């Protein structure tokens, strides 16, 4: 039930949110809770995650929103999160991947290799880990399982100073 006592469009759905403590993650938690979903949030920052989970839970009359601190750069930890979520809630209907970060430079040639490495980890490796970890649970959702990856327009219209970021988003 959502805050006004009516079932929402996602009433009963179990949705995991990776990167839940950032601005997009916080917005997703609020919207999913409002729509009636059971929301399982993850982030690497426990304090920011707790704030985001509490805000979503209290904004929607005690909606089921829980948080797990997970290092999505660790495949085993990501698999453990998926397995724990499925065991505890009986299924996983969706995963919303919102992990991100940004690095840029004045020009393409000024982009530092450490920025490419940083963005490869956050924008690519976490997608690999969550898609591998949640693949089978999403398939077991009886045709309802969905994986949503949020990107940005720069992936389609890159500029030289954002080369590493845009490559990771693409």
N, C-alpha and C. Protein backbone atom coordinates (compact mmCIF):
# COMPACT_ATOMS: atom_id res chain seq x y z
N UNK A 1 0.84 -1.18 0.00
CA UNK A 1 0.00 0.00 0.00
C UNK A 1 0.88 1.24 0.00
N UNK A 2 0.49 2.21 -0.75
CA UNK A 2 1.24 3.46 -0.70
C UNK A 2 0.66 4.35 0.40
N UNK A 3 1.18 5.55 0.54
CA UNK A 3 0.84 6.40 1.68
C UNK A 3 -0.65 6.72 1.78
N UNK A 4 -1.37 6.77 0.65
CA UNK A 4 -2.79 7.10 0.73
C UNK A 4 -3.67 5.87 0.92
N UNK A 5 -3.02 4.69 1.12
CA UNK A 5 -3.78 3.49 1.41
C UNK A 5 -4.21 2.71 0.19
N UNK A 6 -3.90 3.16 -1.00
CA UNK A 6 -4.23 2.44 -2.22
C UNK A 6 -3.01 1.70 -2.73
N UNK A 7 -3.20 0.53 -3.30
CA UNK A 7 -2.09 -0.20 -3.89
C UNK A 7 -1.52 0.58 -5.06
N UNK A 8 -0.21 0.65 -5.14
CA UNK A 8 0.44 1.35 -6.24
C UNK A 8 0.68 0.43 -7.41
N UNK A 9 1.17 0.95 -8.52
CA UNK A 9 1.41 0.13 -9.71
C UNK A 9 2.48 -0.93 -9.52
N UNK A 10 3.33 -0.80 -8.52
CA UNK A 10 4.35 -1.81 -8.25
C UNK A 10 4.07 -2.55 -6.95
N UNK A 11 2.83 -2.50 -6.49
CA UNK A 11 2.44 -3.13 -5.24
C UNK A 11 2.90 -4.59 -5.22
N UNK A 12 3.72 -4.93 -4.24
CA UNK A 12 4.19 -6.29 -4.08
C UNK A 12 5.46 -6.62 -4.84
N UNK A 13 5.90 -5.78 -5.75
CA UNK A 13 7.13 -6.04 -6.49
C UNK A 13 8.34 -5.86 -5.58
N UNK A 14 9.38 -6.64 -5.82
CA UNK A 14 10.63 -6.55 -5.07
C UNK A 14 11.68 -5.97 -6.02
N UNK A 15 12.14 -4.75 -5.70
CA UNK A 15 13.05 -4.04 -6.58
C UNK A 15 14.33 -3.70 -5.82
N UNK A 16 15.47 -4.09 -6.38
CA UNK A 16 16.77 -3.74 -5.81
C UNK A 16 17.28 -2.47 -6.52
N UNK A 17 17.94 -1.61 -5.76
CA UNK A 17 18.49 -0.38 -6.31
C UNK A 17 19.97 -0.31 -5.93
N UNK A 18 20.83 -0.35 -6.93
CA UNK A 18 22.28 -0.24 -6.74
C UNK A 18 22.68 1.22 -6.91
N UNK A 19 23.46 1.74 -5.98
CA UNK A 19 23.82 3.15 -6.02
C UNK A 19 22.73 4.02 -5.42
N UNK A 20 22.12 3.52 -4.36
CA UNK A 20 20.91 4.15 -3.82
C UNK A 20 21.15 5.42 -3.02
N UNK A 21 22.38 5.71 -2.63
CA UNK A 21 22.62 6.87 -1.78
C UNK A 21 22.90 8.15 -2.56
N UNK A 22 23.10 8.06 -3.86
CA UNK A 22 23.32 9.25 -4.67
C UNK A 22 22.00 9.94 -4.97
N UNK A 23 22.05 11.09 -5.62
CA UNK A 23 20.82 11.84 -5.91
C UNK A 23 19.80 11.04 -6.73
N UNK A 24 20.24 10.36 -7.77
CA UNK A 24 19.31 9.56 -8.57
C UNK A 24 18.79 8.38 -7.77
N UNK A 25 19.65 7.78 -6.95
CA UNK A 25 19.23 6.66 -6.12
C UNK A 25 18.18 7.06 -5.11
N UNK A 26 18.38 8.19 -4.47
CA UNK A 26 17.40 8.69 -3.49
C UNK A 26 16.05 8.93 -4.16
N UNK A 27 16.08 9.52 -5.34
CA UNK A 27 14.83 9.77 -6.07
C UNK A 27 14.15 8.45 -6.44
N UNK A 28 14.95 7.47 -6.86
CA UNK A 28 14.38 6.17 -7.22
C UNK A 28 13.76 5.49 -6.01
N UNK A 29 14.42 5.55 -4.87
CA UNK A 29 13.87 4.94 -3.65
C UNK A 29 12.51 5.55 -3.31
N UNK A 30 12.44 6.86 -3.37
CA UNK A 30 11.18 7.54 -3.06
C UNK A 30 10.08 7.13 -4.02
N UNK A 31 10.39 7.13 -5.31
CA UNK A 31 9.37 6.82 -6.32
C UNK A 31 8.94 5.35 -6.26
N UNK A 32 9.88 4.44 -6.07
CA UNK A 32 9.54 3.02 -5.98
C UNK A 32 8.71 2.73 -4.73
N UNK A 33 9.07 3.35 -3.61
CA UNK A 33 8.28 3.17 -2.38
C UNK A 33 6.88 3.72 -2.57
N UNK A 34 6.78 4.88 -3.20
CA UNK A 34 5.47 5.48 -3.47
C UNK A 34 4.62 4.58 -4.37
N UNK A 35 5.26 3.87 -5.28
CA UNK A 35 4.53 2.99 -6.20
C UNK A 35 4.17 1.65 -5.57
N UNK A 36 4.59 1.43 -4.32
CA UNK A 36 4.18 0.22 -3.60
C UNK A 36 5.19 -0.91 -3.61
N UNK A 37 6.37 -0.70 -4.18
CA UNK A 37 7.38 -1.76 -4.23
C UNK A 37 8.04 -1.96 -2.87
N UNK A 38 8.50 -3.17 -2.64
CA UNK A 38 9.45 -3.45 -1.58
C UNK A 38 10.80 -3.12 -2.18
N UNK A 39 11.55 -2.23 -1.54
CA UNK A 39 12.79 -1.72 -2.12
C UNK A 39 13.98 -2.14 -1.28
N UNK A 40 14.96 -2.76 -1.94
CA UNK A 40 16.18 -3.17 -1.30
C UNK A 40 17.30 -2.33 -1.89
N UNK A 41 17.80 -1.40 -1.10
CA UNK A 41 18.78 -0.43 -1.57
C UNK A 41 20.19 -0.87 -1.21
N UNK A 42 21.14 -0.55 -2.09
CA UNK A 42 22.54 -0.80 -1.75
C UNK A 42 23.38 0.41 -2.11
N UNK A 43 24.45 0.54 -1.37
CA UNK A 43 25.45 1.57 -1.65
C UNK A 43 26.69 1.19 -0.85
N UNK A 44 27.83 1.72 -1.24
CA UNK A 44 29.07 1.45 -0.52
C UNK A 44 29.24 2.35 0.70
N UNK A 45 28.46 3.42 0.79
CA UNK A 45 28.57 4.38 1.89
C UNK A 45 27.43 4.13 2.89
N UNK A 46 27.74 3.50 4.03
CA UNK A 46 26.66 3.13 4.96
C UNK A 46 25.88 4.30 5.54
N UNK A 47 26.55 5.41 5.84
CA UNK A 47 25.85 6.55 6.43
C UNK A 47 24.89 7.18 5.43
N UNK A 48 25.35 7.42 4.22
CA UNK A 48 24.49 8.01 3.19
C UNK A 48 23.36 7.04 2.83
N UNK A 49 23.64 5.74 2.82
CA UNK A 49 22.60 4.75 2.52
C UNK A 49 21.52 4.78 3.59
N UNK A 50 21.91 4.82 4.85
CA UNK A 50 20.92 4.86 5.94
C UNK A 50 20.03 6.09 5.83
N UNK A 51 20.61 7.24 5.50
CA UNK A 51 19.82 8.46 5.32
C UNK A 51 18.81 8.31 4.17
N UNK A 52 19.27 7.75 3.06
CA UNK A 52 18.40 7.59 1.89
C UNK A 52 17.26 6.61 2.18
N UNK A 53 17.58 5.51 2.83
CA UNK A 53 16.56 4.50 3.18
C UNK A 53 15.54 5.09 4.14
N UNK A 54 16.00 5.77 5.18
CA UNK A 54 15.09 6.37 6.16
C UNK A 54 14.18 7.40 5.49
N UNK A 55 14.73 8.22 4.61
CA UNK A 55 13.92 9.24 3.93
C UNK A 55 12.82 8.59 3.11
N UNK A 56 13.13 7.54 2.37
CA UNK A 56 12.13 6.87 1.54
C UNK A 56 11.09 6.16 2.40
N UNK A 57 11.54 5.51 3.43
CA UNK A 57 10.63 4.76 4.31
C UNK A 57 9.64 5.70 4.99
N UNK A 58 10.12 6.81 5.50
CA UNK A 58 9.25 7.72 6.23
C UNK A 58 8.41 8.60 5.33
N UNK A 59 8.85 8.84 4.13
CA UNK A 59 8.07 9.65 3.19
C UNK A 59 6.82 8.92 2.74
N UNK A 60 6.82 7.61 2.87
CA UNK A 60 5.69 6.82 2.36
C UNK A 60 5.12 5.90 3.43
N UNK A 61 4.89 6.47 4.60
CA UNK A 61 4.15 5.78 5.65
C UNK A 61 4.68 4.44 6.06
N UNK A 62 6.00 4.33 6.20
CA UNK A 62 6.56 3.07 6.65
C UNK A 62 6.71 2.04 5.55
N UNK A 63 6.82 2.46 4.31
CA UNK A 63 7.03 1.54 3.18
C UNK A 63 8.21 0.62 3.48
N UNK A 64 8.20 -0.55 2.89
CA UNK A 64 9.31 -1.49 3.09
C UNK A 64 10.48 -1.06 2.21
N UNK A 65 11.44 -0.42 2.84
CA UNK A 65 12.67 0.02 2.19
C UNK A 65 13.80 -0.37 3.13
N UNK A 66 14.67 -1.23 2.68
CA UNK A 66 15.80 -1.68 3.49
C UNK A 66 17.10 -1.39 2.76
N UNK A 67 18.17 -1.31 3.52
CA UNK A 67 19.47 -1.01 2.92
C UNK A 67 20.51 -2.04 3.27
N UNK A 68 21.37 -2.33 2.30
CA UNK A 68 22.51 -3.22 2.49
C UNK A 68 23.75 -2.51 1.97
N UNK A 69 24.75 -2.38 2.82
CA UNK A 69 26.02 -1.82 2.37
C UNK A 69 26.73 -2.90 1.56
N UNK A 70 26.99 -2.61 0.29
CA UNK A 70 27.58 -3.60 -0.62
C UNK A 70 28.67 -2.93 -1.44
N UNK A 71 29.81 -3.59 -1.56
CA UNK A 71 30.87 -3.15 -2.46
C UNK A 71 30.63 -3.84 -3.80
N UNK A 72 30.03 -3.12 -4.73
CA UNK A 72 29.68 -3.70 -6.03
C UNK A 72 30.90 -3.91 -6.92
N UNK A 73 32.08 -3.50 -6.46
CA UNK A 73 33.31 -3.83 -7.18
C UNK A 73 33.80 -5.22 -6.81
N UNK A 74 33.15 -5.84 -5.86
CA UNK A 74 33.46 -7.19 -5.41
C UNK A 74 32.35 -8.12 -5.90
N UNK A 75 32.67 -8.97 -6.88
CA UNK A 75 31.65 -9.83 -7.47
C UNK A 75 31.03 -10.76 -6.43
N UNK A 76 31.84 -11.32 -5.55
CA UNK A 76 31.29 -12.22 -4.53
C UNK A 76 30.31 -11.49 -3.61
N UNK A 77 30.65 -10.27 -3.21
CA UNK A 77 29.75 -9.49 -2.37
C UNK A 77 28.46 -9.15 -3.10
N UNK A 78 28.57 -8.87 -4.38
CA UNK A 78 27.39 -8.55 -5.18
C UNK A 78 26.50 -9.78 -5.32
N UNK A 79 27.11 -10.93 -5.56
CA UNK A 79 26.34 -12.18 -5.63
C UNK A 79 25.67 -12.49 -4.30
N UNK A 80 26.39 -12.24 -3.21
CA UNK A 80 25.81 -12.46 -1.87
C UNK A 80 24.60 -11.57 -1.66
N UNK A 81 24.68 -10.30 -2.09
CA UNK A 81 23.56 -9.38 -1.95
C UNK A 81 22.35 -9.89 -2.74
N UNK A 82 22.56 -10.33 -3.96
CA UNK A 82 21.45 -10.84 -4.78
C UNK A 82 20.84 -12.09 -4.12
N UNK A 83 21.68 -13.01 -3.67
CA UNK A 83 21.18 -14.25 -3.06
C UNK A 83 20.43 -13.95 -1.76
N UNK A 84 20.97 -13.06 -0.94
CA UNK A 84 20.31 -12.69 0.32
C UNK A 84 18.96 -12.04 0.05
N UNK A 85 18.91 -11.16 -0.95
CA UNK A 85 17.66 -10.47 -1.28
C UNK A 85 16.61 -11.47 -1.75
N UNK A 86 17.00 -12.36 -2.65
CA UNK A 86 16.03 -13.35 -3.15
C UNK A 86 15.56 -14.27 -2.03
N UNK A 87 16.47 -14.70 -1.17
CA UNK A 87 16.09 -15.59 -0.07
C UNK A 87 15.14 -14.89 0.90
N UNK A 88 15.46 -13.65 1.24
CA UNK A 88 14.67 -12.93 2.24
C UNK A 88 13.29 -12.52 1.72
N UNK A 89 13.20 -12.14 0.44
CA UNK A 89 11.95 -11.61 -0.10
C UNK A 89 11.25 -12.56 -1.07
N UNK A 90 11.86 -13.71 -1.35
CA UNK A 90 11.22 -14.73 -2.16
C UNK A 90 11.41 -14.59 -3.66
N UNK A 91 11.81 -13.44 -4.09
CA UNK A 91 12.05 -13.20 -5.52
C UNK A 91 12.64 -11.81 -5.68
N UNK A 92 13.11 -11.52 -6.89
CA UNK A 92 13.56 -10.17 -7.25
C UNK A 92 12.93 -9.87 -8.60
N UNK A 93 12.10 -8.84 -8.63
CA UNK A 93 11.41 -8.47 -9.86
C UNK A 93 12.18 -7.46 -10.70
N UNK A 94 13.09 -6.74 -10.09
CA UNK A 94 13.84 -5.75 -10.85
C UNK A 94 15.07 -5.27 -10.14
N UNK A 95 16.01 -4.79 -10.93
CA UNK A 95 17.20 -4.13 -10.40
C UNK A 95 17.36 -2.82 -11.16
N UNK A 96 17.50 -1.72 -10.43
CA UNK A 96 17.76 -0.41 -11.02
C UNK A 96 19.21 -0.08 -10.69
N UNK A 97 20.04 0.04 -11.73
CA UNK A 97 21.47 0.30 -11.55
C UNK A 97 21.74 1.79 -11.71
N UNK A 98 22.12 2.44 -10.61
CA UNK A 98 22.35 3.89 -10.62
C UNK A 98 23.74 4.26 -10.11
N UNK A 99 24.65 3.30 -10.13
CA UNK A 99 26.01 3.57 -9.68
C UNK A 99 26.69 4.49 -10.67
N UNK A 100 27.35 5.50 -10.17
CA UNK A 100 28.01 6.42 -11.09
C UNK A 100 29.09 7.23 -10.43
N UNK A 101 29.69 8.04 -11.23
CA UNK A 101 30.74 8.94 -10.81
C UNK A 101 31.13 9.73 -12.04
N UNK A 102 31.90 10.76 -11.86
CA UNK A 102 32.27 11.58 -13.01
C UNK A 102 33.72 12.02 -12.88
N UNK A 103 34.40 12.03 -13.99
CA UNK A 103 35.73 12.62 -14.12
C UNK A 103 35.77 13.24 -15.51
N UNK A 104 36.37 14.39 -15.62
CA UNK A 104 36.49 15.07 -16.90
C UNK A 104 37.78 15.87 -16.96
N UNK A 105 38.01 16.51 -18.09
CA UNK A 105 39.22 17.30 -18.27
C UNK A 105 38.95 18.40 -19.30
N UNK A 106 39.89 19.27 -19.45
CA UNK A 106 39.74 20.37 -20.41
C UNK A 106 39.77 19.87 -21.86
N UNK A 107 40.50 18.78 -22.10
CA UNK A 107 40.58 18.24 -23.46
C UNK A 107 40.80 16.73 -23.38
N UNK A 108 40.67 16.07 -24.49
CA UNK A 108 40.86 14.61 -24.55
C UNK A 108 42.27 14.23 -24.08
N UNK A 109 43.28 14.92 -24.60
CA UNK A 109 44.66 14.54 -24.27
C UNK A 109 45.04 14.86 -22.83
N UNK A 110 44.27 15.69 -22.15
CA UNK A 110 44.54 16.00 -20.75
C UNK A 110 43.85 15.02 -19.79
N UNK A 111 43.05 14.12 -20.33
CA UNK A 111 42.39 13.12 -19.49
C UNK A 111 43.44 12.20 -18.89
N UNK A 112 43.43 12.06 -17.59
CA UNK A 112 44.41 11.22 -16.91
C UNK A 112 43.97 9.76 -16.93
N UNK A 113 44.92 8.86 -17.07
CA UNK A 113 44.61 7.44 -17.10
C UNK A 113 43.93 6.98 -15.81
N UNK A 114 44.25 7.61 -14.68
CA UNK A 114 43.59 7.23 -13.43
C UNK A 114 42.09 7.53 -13.50
N UNK A 115 41.69 8.54 -14.29
CA UNK A 115 40.27 8.84 -14.46
C UNK A 115 39.59 7.73 -15.27
N UNK A 116 40.26 7.25 -16.30
CA UNK A 116 39.72 6.12 -17.07
C UNK A 116 39.54 4.90 -16.16
N UNK A 117 40.53 4.63 -15.32
CA UNK A 117 40.45 3.49 -14.40
C UNK A 117 39.29 3.65 -13.42
N UNK A 118 39.19 4.83 -12.83
CA UNK A 118 38.11 5.12 -11.88
C UNK A 118 36.75 4.90 -12.52
N UNK A 119 36.55 5.45 -13.71
CA UNK A 119 35.25 5.34 -14.38
C UNK A 119 34.97 3.94 -14.89
N UNK A 120 36.02 3.23 -15.29
CA UNK A 120 35.82 1.83 -15.71
C UNK A 120 35.27 1.01 -14.55
N UNK A 121 35.79 1.26 -13.36
CA UNK A 121 35.31 0.52 -12.20
C UNK A 121 33.85 0.87 -11.88
N UNK A 122 33.57 2.17 -11.76
CA UNK A 122 32.22 2.58 -11.35
C UNK A 122 31.17 2.38 -12.43
N UNK A 123 31.49 2.68 -13.67
CA UNK A 123 30.48 2.68 -14.73
C UNK A 123 30.38 1.36 -15.48
N UNK A 124 31.43 0.56 -15.45
CA UNK A 124 31.41 -0.70 -16.21
C UNK A 124 31.46 -1.91 -15.30
N UNK A 125 32.45 -1.94 -14.41
CA UNK A 125 32.61 -3.14 -13.56
C UNK A 125 31.38 -3.38 -12.69
N UNK A 126 30.78 -2.33 -12.15
CA UNK A 126 29.60 -2.54 -11.31
C UNK A 126 28.41 -3.06 -12.13
N UNK A 127 28.32 -2.64 -13.38
CA UNK A 127 27.26 -3.18 -14.26
C UNK A 127 27.52 -4.66 -14.52
N UNK A 128 28.77 -5.01 -14.77
CA UNK A 128 29.09 -6.42 -14.98
C UNK A 128 28.72 -7.25 -13.75
N UNK A 129 29.09 -6.77 -12.59
CA UNK A 129 28.83 -7.54 -11.37
C UNK A 129 27.34 -7.65 -11.06
N UNK A 130 26.60 -6.54 -11.17
CA UNK A 130 25.16 -6.63 -10.86
C UNK A 130 24.42 -7.46 -11.91
N UNK A 131 24.80 -7.34 -13.17
CA UNK A 131 24.09 -8.12 -14.19
C UNK A 131 24.37 -9.62 -14.03
N UNK A 132 25.59 -9.97 -13.66
CA UNK A 132 25.90 -11.38 -13.41
C UNK A 132 25.18 -11.89 -12.15
N UNK A 133 25.24 -11.11 -11.08
CA UNK A 133 24.66 -11.55 -9.81
C UNK A 133 23.14 -11.64 -9.84
N UNK A 134 22.49 -10.75 -10.57
CA UNK A 134 21.03 -10.70 -10.58
C UNK A 134 20.41 -11.42 -11.77
N UNK A 135 21.21 -11.93 -12.68
CA UNK A 135 20.70 -12.58 -13.89
C UNK A 135 19.70 -13.69 -13.56
N UNK A 136 20.13 -14.68 -12.83
CA UNK A 136 19.25 -15.82 -12.54
C UNK A 136 18.05 -15.44 -11.68
N UNK A 137 18.23 -14.65 -10.61
CA UNK A 137 17.03 -14.25 -9.85
C UNK A 137 16.01 -13.49 -10.71
N UNK A 138 16.47 -12.64 -11.61
CA UNK A 138 15.53 -11.92 -12.47
C UNK A 138 14.84 -12.86 -13.44
N UNK A 139 15.54 -13.88 -13.91
CA UNK A 139 14.90 -14.88 -14.78
C UNK A 139 13.83 -15.66 -14.02
N UNK A 140 14.10 -15.92 -12.75
CA UNK A 140 13.14 -16.67 -11.93
C UNK A 140 11.91 -15.85 -11.57
N UNK A 141 11.85 -14.60 -11.96
CA UNK A 141 10.71 -13.73 -11.64
C UNK A 141 9.53 -14.02 -12.57
N UNK A 142 9.57 -15.09 -13.30
CA UNK A 142 8.43 -15.51 -14.11
C UNK A 142 8.11 -14.57 -15.27
N UNK A 143 9.13 -14.05 -15.93
CA UNK A 143 8.90 -13.17 -17.07
C UNK A 143 8.73 -11.71 -16.70
N UNK A 144 8.70 -11.42 -15.40
CA UNK A 144 8.54 -10.04 -14.95
C UNK A 144 9.87 -9.36 -14.67
N UNK A 145 10.95 -10.11 -14.55
CA UNK A 145 12.24 -9.56 -14.14
C UNK A 145 12.78 -8.53 -15.11
N UNK A 146 13.24 -7.42 -14.58
CA UNK A 146 13.77 -6.32 -15.39
C UNK A 146 15.05 -5.78 -14.79
N UNK A 147 15.98 -5.40 -15.66
CA UNK A 147 17.23 -4.75 -15.27
C UNK A 147 17.23 -3.39 -15.94
N UNK A 148 17.24 -2.34 -15.15
CA UNK A 148 17.23 -0.98 -15.70
C UNK A 148 18.57 -0.31 -15.41
N UNK A 149 19.22 0.14 -16.47
CA UNK A 149 20.49 0.84 -16.35
C UNK A 149 20.27 2.27 -16.81
N UNK A 150 20.55 3.20 -15.94
CA UNK A 150 20.33 4.61 -16.26
C UNK A 150 21.64 5.20 -16.77
N UNK A 151 21.59 5.82 -17.94
CA UNK A 151 22.77 6.44 -18.53
C UNK A 151 22.51 7.93 -18.69
N UNK A 152 23.14 8.55 -19.65
CA UNK A 152 22.95 9.98 -19.88
C UNK A 152 23.22 10.30 -21.34
N UNK A 153 22.76 11.45 -21.77
CA UNK A 153 22.79 11.82 -23.18
C UNK A 153 24.21 11.92 -23.74
N UNK A 154 25.20 12.22 -22.90
CA UNK A 154 26.58 12.34 -23.37
C UNK A 154 27.12 11.08 -24.00
N UNK A 155 26.54 9.94 -23.66
CA UNK A 155 26.97 8.69 -24.27
C UNK A 155 26.71 8.69 -25.77
N UNK A 156 25.72 9.46 -26.20
CA UNK A 156 25.37 9.53 -27.62
C UNK A 156 25.93 10.76 -28.30
N UNK A 157 26.30 11.77 -27.51
CA UNK A 157 26.86 13.01 -28.06
C UNK A 157 28.08 13.40 -27.25
N UNK A 158 29.14 12.58 -27.32
CA UNK A 158 30.30 12.84 -26.48
C UNK A 158 31.06 14.10 -26.87
N UNK A 159 31.74 14.65 -25.87
CA UNK A 159 32.63 15.79 -26.09
C UNK A 159 34.02 15.38 -25.59
N UNK A 160 35.05 16.00 -26.13
CA UNK A 160 36.43 15.59 -25.86
C UNK A 160 36.79 15.62 -24.38
N UNK A 161 36.36 16.62 -23.65
CA UNK A 161 36.71 16.72 -22.24
C UNK A 161 36.06 15.68 -21.36
N UNK A 162 35.04 15.02 -21.86
CA UNK A 162 34.33 13.98 -21.12
C UNK A 162 34.54 12.60 -21.76
N UNK A 163 35.63 12.42 -22.46
CA UNK A 163 35.84 11.18 -23.20
C UNK A 163 35.73 9.93 -22.34
N UNK A 164 36.42 9.90 -21.22
CA UNK A 164 36.40 8.72 -20.35
C UNK A 164 35.00 8.48 -19.78
N UNK A 165 34.35 9.53 -19.34
CA UNK A 165 33.01 9.42 -18.78
C UNK A 165 32.02 8.93 -19.84
N UNK A 166 32.06 9.54 -21.01
CA UNK A 166 31.13 9.17 -22.06
C UNK A 166 31.38 7.75 -22.57
N UNK A 167 32.62 7.34 -22.63
CA UNK A 167 32.94 5.96 -23.04
C UNK A 167 32.37 4.97 -22.03
N UNK A 168 32.53 5.29 -20.74
CA UNK A 168 31.98 4.41 -19.71
C UNK A 168 30.48 4.35 -19.74
N UNK A 169 29.82 5.46 -19.97
CA UNK A 169 28.36 5.50 -20.04
C UNK A 169 27.84 4.79 -21.28
N UNK A 170 28.59 4.89 -22.38
CA UNK A 170 28.15 4.22 -23.61
C UNK A 170 28.19 2.73 -23.43
